[in-house]
Structures are given as C-alpha cells and as structure tokens.
Amino acid sequence: MYNIINTQHKTLNDCFDLGTLYLDYFFLSLDTLEAMNIKLLTLDILKGLVKSKRDSYKTKHPAAKAKLGEFKDDRGKNLELDSLNSLARHLKGGRVVIRDYLKGDKSGYYWGKWKFSYQLYEIWHIKGMAG
C-alpha cells in the first residue's frame, strides 16, 4: 500500500491505527469487509483517485503559524502564507535569512522592502503581489 499510493509509513499507519482520513477524504482500514454488494477498485483507479485528491490537498499543520510579509510602500502587495517554505519560494529568497528576520535576529527590511511577522491564526491564501 505504501508504494501503491506513494506515501510514508507513519501517514498510512495513522490511518489504519487511529482512523485518520487519508488526505481528509479516504477511510483506510485493515478490517475485512463482509457486505454482499462490494465493488472493488482496480489499482489504477485507486492511484488516479489518490492523485486527484493529492493535487488539490492542502497540508495542515495545526501548530504552525502563518507568516505575514508586509511590503514597505504598498499594502496591496502584502503576503500571508502558511509556511516559511512557501514565503521563501514566493519571494525567491532564502529560508534561513527570512527566519532570522521573523525571529528578530535581523532588523530592518528584507531586501529593503519586506518586514515579516507571525500570525496567530492559520491563513491559507496569498494576497496581492504577482510574480
């Protein structure tokens, strides 16, 4: 199963042991099915379903804090992102340096334009700035 849907052991074990929905959609179980009219999925159909759900799935990290990037001269370009990785990727910048600004180890504006802070609530969208 790990190889069929290309997932990690811990993720799949949580689904089996704790009843966690895989990708917030699939209920996976090791229990034997005893119903009479069962329609089984082929491996190709299962792989396709998992791929389509994975493509639209947004990973949630309950303890994570969103990162806010405030643009110095134009509030319309402010960014609200769910992770340091997504912030660094969007700005095409370095995670280590951005983390230093977030922690307060570096002061001033990143690239002379950006000021960063943590948000207390999960934010799952990007505002403003294209490119």
N, C-alpha and C. Protein backbone atom coordinates (compact mmCIF):
# COMPACT_ATOMS: atom_id res chain seq x y z
N MET A 1 0.83 -1.20 0.00
CA MET A 1 0.00 0.00 0.00
C MET A 1 0.87 1.26 0.00
N TYR A 2 1.98 1.22 0.77
CA TYR A 2 2.85 2.39 0.82
C TYR A 2 3.31 2.76 -0.58
N ASN A 3 3.72 1.76 -1.34
CA ASN A 3 4.23 2.00 -2.68
C ASN A 3 3.12 2.31 -3.68
N ILE A 4 1.96 1.72 -3.50
CA ILE A 4 0.86 1.91 -4.45
C ILE A 4 0.41 3.36 -4.45
N ILE A 5 0.22 3.94 -3.25
CA ILE A 5 -0.23 5.34 -3.21
C ILE A 5 0.91 6.30 -2.92
N ASN A 6 2.13 5.75 -2.81
CA ASN A 6 3.33 6.57 -2.65
C ASN A 6 3.23 7.50 -1.44
N THR A 7 3.13 6.89 -0.27
CA THR A 7 3.04 7.67 0.96
C THR A 7 3.98 7.11 2.01
N GLN A 8 4.15 7.82 3.09
CA GLN A 8 5.06 7.41 4.16
C GLN A 8 4.37 6.41 5.09
N HIS A 9 5.18 5.60 5.75
CA HIS A 9 4.68 4.58 6.67
C HIS A 9 3.84 5.20 7.78
N LYS A 10 4.37 6.27 8.40
CA LYS A 10 3.66 6.89 9.54
C LYS A 10 2.29 7.41 9.12
N THR A 11 2.22 8.01 7.97
CA THR A 11 0.93 8.54 7.49
C THR A 11 -0.07 7.42 7.34
N LEU A 12 0.33 6.35 6.68
CA LEU A 12 -0.58 5.24 6.46
C LEU A 12 -0.91 4.53 7.76
N ASN A 13 0.07 4.36 8.65
CA ASN A 13 -0.19 3.73 9.95
C ASN A 13 -1.18 4.54 10.77
N ASP A 14 -1.10 5.87 10.72
CA ASP A 14 -2.07 6.72 11.42
C ASP A 14 -3.48 6.47 10.89
N CYS A 15 -3.59 6.28 9.60
CA CYS A 15 -4.90 5.99 9.00
C CYS A 15 -5.43 4.66 9.53
N PHE A 16 -4.59 3.65 9.54
CA PHE A 16 -5.02 2.32 9.99
C PHE A 16 -5.25 2.26 11.50
N ASP A 17 -4.34 2.82 12.27
CA ASP A 17 -4.40 2.70 13.72
C ASP A 17 -5.35 3.70 14.38
N LEU A 18 -5.40 4.93 13.87
CA LEU A 18 -6.17 5.98 14.53
C LEU A 18 -7.47 6.33 13.79
N GLY A 19 -7.63 5.81 12.58
CA GLY A 19 -8.83 6.14 11.81
C GLY A 19 -8.75 7.50 11.14
N THR A 20 -7.53 8.05 11.05
CA THR A 20 -7.33 9.33 10.38
C THR A 20 -7.68 9.19 8.91
N LEU A 21 -8.41 10.15 8.36
CA LEU A 21 -8.73 10.12 6.94
C LEU A 21 -7.50 10.50 6.13
N TYR A 22 -7.15 9.68 5.16
CA TYR A 22 -6.01 9.98 4.31
C TYR A 22 -6.41 11.08 3.34
N LEU A 23 -5.64 12.16 3.32
CA LEU A 23 -5.91 13.36 2.50
C LEU A 23 -7.28 13.96 2.85
N ASP A 24 -7.70 13.76 4.10
CA ASP A 24 -9.00 14.24 4.59
C ASP A 24 -10.16 13.71 3.76
N TYR A 25 -9.97 12.54 3.13
CA TYR A 25 -11.01 12.03 2.23
C TYR A 25 -11.18 10.51 2.31
N PHE A 26 -10.07 9.76 2.26
CA PHE A 26 -10.13 8.31 2.18
C PHE A 26 -10.09 7.69 3.57
N PHE A 27 -11.04 6.78 3.84
CA PHE A 27 -11.01 5.99 5.07
C PHE A 27 -10.35 4.67 4.72
N LEU A 28 -9.21 4.41 5.35
CA LEU A 28 -8.45 3.20 5.09
C LEU A 28 -8.54 2.29 6.30
N SER A 29 -8.75 1.00 6.04
CA SER A 29 -8.91 0.07 7.14
C SER A 29 -8.33 -1.28 6.77
N LEU A 30 -7.89 -2.01 7.78
CA LEU A 30 -7.40 -3.37 7.59
C LEU A 30 -8.50 -4.39 7.92
N ASP A 31 -9.67 -3.91 8.30
CA ASP A 31 -10.78 -4.80 8.65
C ASP A 31 -11.32 -5.50 7.40
N THR A 32 -11.79 -6.72 7.58
CA THR A 32 -12.38 -7.49 6.50
C THR A 32 -13.78 -6.96 6.22
N LEU A 33 -14.10 -6.76 4.95
CA LEU A 33 -15.43 -6.30 4.56
C LEU A 33 -16.35 -7.51 4.41
N GLU A 34 -17.54 -7.45 5.00
CA GLU A 34 -18.44 -8.58 4.95
C GLU A 34 -19.74 -8.27 4.23
N ALA A 35 -19.85 -7.14 3.59
CA ALA A 35 -21.07 -6.79 2.86
C ALA A 35 -21.14 -7.61 1.58
N MET A 36 -22.35 -7.80 1.06
CA MET A 36 -22.55 -8.65 -0.11
C MET A 36 -22.25 -7.93 -1.42
N ASN A 37 -22.67 -6.70 -1.58
CA ASN A 37 -22.54 -5.98 -2.84
C ASN A 37 -21.36 -5.02 -2.82
N ILE A 38 -20.17 -5.55 -2.75
CA ILE A 38 -18.97 -4.74 -2.69
C ILE A 38 -18.41 -4.58 -4.09
N LYS A 39 -18.09 -3.34 -4.43
CA LYS A 39 -17.41 -3.08 -5.70
C LYS A 39 -15.99 -2.67 -5.37
N LEU A 40 -15.05 -3.47 -5.82
CA LEU A 40 -13.64 -3.20 -5.54
C LEU A 40 -13.05 -2.30 -6.62
N LEU A 41 -12.14 -1.45 -6.21
CA LEU A 41 -11.45 -0.57 -7.15
C LEU A 41 -10.23 -1.27 -7.71
N THR A 42 -9.95 -1.02 -8.95
CA THR A 42 -8.69 -1.51 -9.51
C THR A 42 -7.57 -0.63 -8.97
N LEU A 43 -6.34 -1.12 -9.04
CA LEU A 43 -5.20 -0.33 -8.56
C LEU A 43 -5.06 0.96 -9.37
N ASP A 44 -5.30 0.89 -10.67
CA ASP A 44 -5.19 2.10 -11.50
C ASP A 44 -6.22 3.15 -11.10
N ILE A 45 -7.45 2.72 -10.82
CA ILE A 45 -8.49 3.67 -10.38
C ILE A 45 -8.12 4.26 -9.02
N LEU A 46 -7.64 3.42 -8.10
CA LEU A 46 -7.23 3.90 -6.78
C LEU A 46 -6.10 4.92 -6.91
N LYS A 47 -5.11 4.61 -7.72
CA LYS A 47 -3.99 5.55 -7.92
C LYS A 47 -4.49 6.87 -8.50
N GLY A 48 -5.42 6.81 -9.45
CA GLY A 48 -5.98 8.03 -10.05
C GLY A 48 -6.75 8.86 -9.04
N LEU A 49 -7.55 8.20 -8.19
CA LEU A 49 -8.31 8.92 -7.16
C LEU A 49 -7.37 9.59 -6.16
N VAL A 50 -6.35 8.86 -5.72
CA VAL A 50 -5.39 9.41 -4.77
C VAL A 50 -4.66 10.59 -5.40
N LYS A 51 -4.24 10.45 -6.64
CA LYS A 51 -3.53 11.54 -7.32
C LYS A 51 -4.40 12.78 -7.42
N SER A 52 -5.66 12.62 -7.81
CA SER A 52 -6.54 13.79 -7.95
C SER A 52 -6.78 14.48 -6.61
N LYS A 53 -6.93 13.70 -5.54
CA LYS A 53 -7.12 14.30 -4.21
C LYS A 53 -5.83 14.94 -3.72
N ARG A 54 -4.69 14.30 -3.97
CA ARG A 54 -3.41 14.84 -3.53
C ARG A 54 -3.12 16.17 -4.23
N ASP A 55 -3.48 16.27 -5.51
CA ASP A 55 -3.24 17.51 -6.26
C ASP A 55 -3.99 18.70 -5.67
N SER A 56 -5.15 18.45 -5.06
CA SER A 56 -5.95 19.55 -4.52
C SER A 56 -5.85 19.67 -2.99
N TYR A 57 -5.09 18.79 -2.37
CA TYR A 57 -4.99 18.74 -0.91
C TYR A 57 -4.01 19.78 -0.39
N LYS A 58 -4.39 20.47 0.66
CA LYS A 58 -3.53 21.46 1.32
C LYS A 58 -3.12 20.89 2.67
N THR A 59 -1.84 20.67 2.86
CA THR A 59 -1.34 20.13 4.12
C THR A 59 -1.65 21.09 5.25
N LYS A 60 -2.10 20.55 6.36
CA LYS A 60 -2.42 21.37 7.52
C LYS A 60 -1.46 21.05 8.64
N HIS A 61 -0.92 22.06 9.23
CA HIS A 61 -0.06 21.91 10.40
C HIS A 61 -0.71 22.72 11.52
N PRO A 62 -1.46 22.06 12.40
CA PRO A 62 -2.23 22.78 13.40
C PRO A 62 -1.43 23.71 14.29
N ALA A 63 -0.19 23.37 14.57
CA ALA A 63 0.60 24.22 15.45
C ALA A 63 1.35 25.31 14.68
N ALA A 64 1.29 25.24 13.37
CA ALA A 64 2.04 26.21 12.56
C ALA A 64 1.40 27.58 12.63
N LYS A 65 2.25 28.58 12.53
CA LYS A 65 1.78 29.96 12.49
C LYS A 65 1.99 30.48 11.08
N ALA A 66 1.03 31.18 10.57
CA ALA A 66 1.18 31.77 9.24
C ALA A 66 2.23 32.87 9.28
N LYS A 67 2.83 33.13 8.14
CA LYS A 67 3.83 34.18 8.03
C LYS A 67 3.27 35.33 7.23
N LEU A 68 3.44 36.52 7.74
CA LEU A 68 2.97 37.72 7.07
C LEU A 68 4.16 38.48 6.53
N GLY A 69 4.12 38.78 5.26
CA GLY A 69 5.14 39.62 4.64
C GLY A 69 4.52 40.96 4.32
N GLU A 70 4.96 42.00 5.00
CA GLU A 70 4.43 43.35 4.77
C GLU A 70 5.35 44.09 3.81
N PHE A 71 4.78 44.55 2.70
CA PHE A 71 5.55 45.30 1.71
C PHE A 71 5.64 46.74 2.18
N LYS A 72 6.83 47.31 2.16
CA LYS A 72 7.12 48.62 2.75
C LYS A 72 6.21 49.73 2.23
N ASP A 73 6.04 49.86 0.92
CA ASP A 73 5.35 51.02 0.36
C ASP A 73 3.97 50.75 -0.21
N ASP A 74 3.51 49.47 -0.22
CA ASP A 74 2.23 49.17 -0.85
C ASP A 74 1.57 48.00 -0.13
N ARG A 75 0.58 48.29 0.71
CA ARG A 75 -0.11 47.25 1.48
C ARG A 75 -0.80 46.23 0.58
N GLY A 76 -1.12 46.63 -0.65
CA GLY A 76 -1.74 45.71 -1.59
C GLY A 76 -0.84 44.56 -2.01
N LYS A 77 0.44 44.70 -1.75
CA LYS A 77 1.41 43.65 -2.09
C LYS A 77 1.75 42.76 -0.89
N ASN A 78 1.09 43.00 0.25
CA ASN A 78 1.35 42.17 1.43
C ASN A 78 1.06 40.70 1.14
N LEU A 79 1.79 39.82 1.79
CA LEU A 79 1.63 38.38 1.63
C LEU A 79 1.22 37.75 2.96
N GLU A 80 0.35 36.77 2.89
CA GLU A 80 0.01 35.95 4.05
C GLU A 80 0.12 34.50 3.59
N LEU A 81 1.12 33.80 4.12
CA LEU A 81 1.38 32.43 3.68
C LEU A 81 1.45 31.50 4.87
N ASP A 82 1.24 30.20 4.61
CA ASP A 82 1.14 29.23 5.68
C ASP A 82 2.46 28.63 6.15
N SER A 83 3.55 28.91 5.45
CA SER A 83 4.81 28.31 5.87
C SER A 83 5.99 29.18 5.45
N LEU A 84 7.09 28.94 6.12
CA LEU A 84 8.33 29.62 5.77
C LEU A 84 8.76 29.22 4.36
N ASN A 85 8.60 27.94 4.03
CA ASN A 85 8.96 27.47 2.69
C ASN A 85 8.17 28.20 1.61
N SER A 86 6.86 28.33 1.80
CA SER A 86 6.05 28.99 0.77
C SER A 86 6.40 30.47 0.66
N LEU A 87 6.73 31.10 1.79
CA LEU A 87 7.13 32.51 1.77
C LEU A 87 8.46 32.66 1.01
N ALA A 88 9.43 31.82 1.32
CA ALA A 88 10.74 31.89 0.64
C ALA A 88 10.59 31.58 -0.84
N ARG A 89 9.77 30.59 -1.17
CA ARG A 89 9.55 30.23 -2.57
C ARG A 89 8.91 31.38 -3.33
N HIS A 90 7.90 32.00 -2.74
CA HIS A 90 7.20 33.11 -3.39
C HIS A 90 8.12 34.30 -3.64
N LEU A 91 8.96 34.60 -2.66
CA LEU A 91 9.87 35.74 -2.78
C LEU A 91 11.19 35.37 -3.47
N LYS A 92 11.34 34.08 -3.76
CA LYS A 92 12.60 33.59 -4.34
C LYS A 92 13.78 34.01 -3.46
N GLY A 93 13.59 33.78 -2.17
CA GLY A 93 14.60 34.17 -1.19
C GLY A 93 15.04 32.98 -0.35
N GLY A 94 15.90 33.24 0.61
CA GLY A 94 16.44 32.19 1.46
C GLY A 94 15.66 32.03 2.76
N ARG A 95 15.33 30.78 3.09
CA ARG A 95 14.58 30.49 4.32
C ARG A 95 15.35 30.90 5.56
N VAL A 96 16.65 30.66 5.58
CA VAL A 96 17.46 30.95 6.77
C VAL A 96 17.44 32.45 7.06
N VAL A 97 17.61 33.26 6.04
CA VAL A 97 17.62 34.71 6.23
C VAL A 97 16.23 35.20 6.64
N ILE A 98 15.19 34.71 5.98
CA ILE A 98 13.81 35.12 6.32
C ILE A 98 13.50 34.71 7.76
N ARG A 99 13.94 33.51 8.17
CA ARG A 99 13.72 33.06 9.55
C ARG A 99 14.40 34.01 10.53
N ASP A 100 15.60 34.48 10.19
CA ASP A 100 16.30 35.43 11.06
C ASP A 100 15.50 36.72 11.23
N TYR A 101 14.86 37.19 10.17
CA TYR A 101 14.00 38.38 10.27
C TYR A 101 12.77 38.08 11.12
N LEU A 102 12.17 36.90 10.93
CA LEU A 102 10.99 36.52 11.71
C LEU A 102 11.30 36.44 13.21
N LYS A 103 12.47 35.88 13.54
CA LYS A 103 12.86 35.73 14.94
C LYS A 103 13.34 37.03 15.55
N GLY A 104 13.62 38.03 14.72
CA GLY A 104 14.11 39.29 15.24
C GLY A 104 15.63 39.34 15.33
N ASP A 105 16.32 38.30 14.83
CA ASP A 105 17.78 38.30 14.84
C ASP A 105 18.34 39.32 13.85
N LYS A 106 17.58 39.64 12.82
CA LYS A 106 17.95 40.68 11.86
C LYS A 106 16.89 41.76 11.93
N SER A 107 17.31 43.00 11.83
CA SER A 107 16.34 44.10 11.88
C SER A 107 16.26 44.78 10.53
N GLY A 108 15.30 45.67 10.42
CA GLY A 108 15.13 46.40 9.17
C GLY A 108 14.26 45.63 8.20
N TYR A 109 14.43 45.93 6.93
CA TYR A 109 13.60 45.32 5.89
C TYR A 109 14.42 44.36 5.05
N TYR A 110 13.86 43.18 4.80
CA TYR A 110 14.45 42.19 3.91
C TYR A 110 14.44 42.76 2.50
N TRP A 111 15.57 42.78 1.84
CA TRP A 111 15.75 43.36 0.51
C TRP A 111 15.31 44.82 0.48
N GLY A 112 15.26 45.46 1.63
CA GLY A 112 14.87 46.86 1.70
C GLY A 112 13.38 47.09 1.49
N LYS A 113 12.58 46.00 1.40
CA LYS A 113 11.15 46.13 1.06
C LYS A 113 10.21 45.36 1.98
N TRP A 114 10.67 44.28 2.59
CA TRP A 114 9.78 43.36 3.29
C TRP A 114 10.07 43.31 4.78
N LYS A 115 8.99 43.33 5.56
CA LYS A 115 9.06 43.14 7.01
C LYS A 115 8.19 41.91 7.30
N PHE A 116 8.69 40.98 8.13
CA PHE A 116 7.99 39.72 8.37
C PHE A 116 7.51 39.61 9.81
N SER A 117 6.39 38.92 9.99
CA SER A 117 5.89 38.63 11.33
C SER A 117 5.06 37.35 11.28
N TYR A 118 4.84 36.75 12.46
CA TYR A 118 4.00 35.57 12.59
C TYR A 118 2.55 36.00 12.80
N GLN A 119 1.63 35.22 12.26
CA GLN A 119 0.21 35.40 12.52
C GLN A 119 -0.24 34.27 13.43
N LEU A 120 -1.18 34.53 14.31
CA LEU A 120 -1.62 33.52 15.26
C LEU A 120 -2.62 32.53 14.67
N TYR A 121 -3.27 32.89 13.61
CA TYR A 121 -4.30 32.04 13.02
C TYR A 121 -3.84 31.52 11.67
N GLU A 122 -4.35 30.34 11.29
CA GLU A 122 -3.99 29.77 10.01
C GLU A 122 -4.53 30.62 8.88
N ILE A 123 -3.69 30.91 7.90
CA ILE A 123 -4.09 31.68 6.73
C ILE A 123 -3.63 30.89 5.52
N TRP A 124 -4.51 30.62 4.60
CA TRP A 124 -4.20 29.70 3.51
C TRP A 124 -4.32 30.36 2.15
N HIS A 125 -3.99 31.64 2.01
CA HIS A 125 -4.09 32.28 0.72
C HIS A 125 -2.99 33.32 0.56
N ILE A 126 -2.81 33.74 -0.69
CA ILE A 126 -1.84 34.79 -0.98
C ILE A 126 -2.61 36.02 -1.40
N LYS A 127 -2.26 37.17 -0.87
CA LYS A 127 -2.89 38.42 -1.28
C LYS A 127 -1.90 39.22 -2.11
N GLY A 128 -2.42 39.88 -3.13
CA GLY A 128 -1.61 40.86 -3.83
C GLY A 128 -0.52 40.28 -4.70
N MET A 129 0.59 40.90 -4.70
CA MET A 129 1.80 40.72 -5.49
C MET A 129 1.83 39.53 -6.44
N ALA A 130 1.89 39.83 -7.70
CA ALA A 130 2.06 38.79 -8.72
C ALA A 130 3.55 38.60 -8.97
N GLY A 131 3.90 37.41 -9.41
CA GLY A 131 5.26 37.17 -9.86
C GLY A 131 6.15 36.69 -8.82
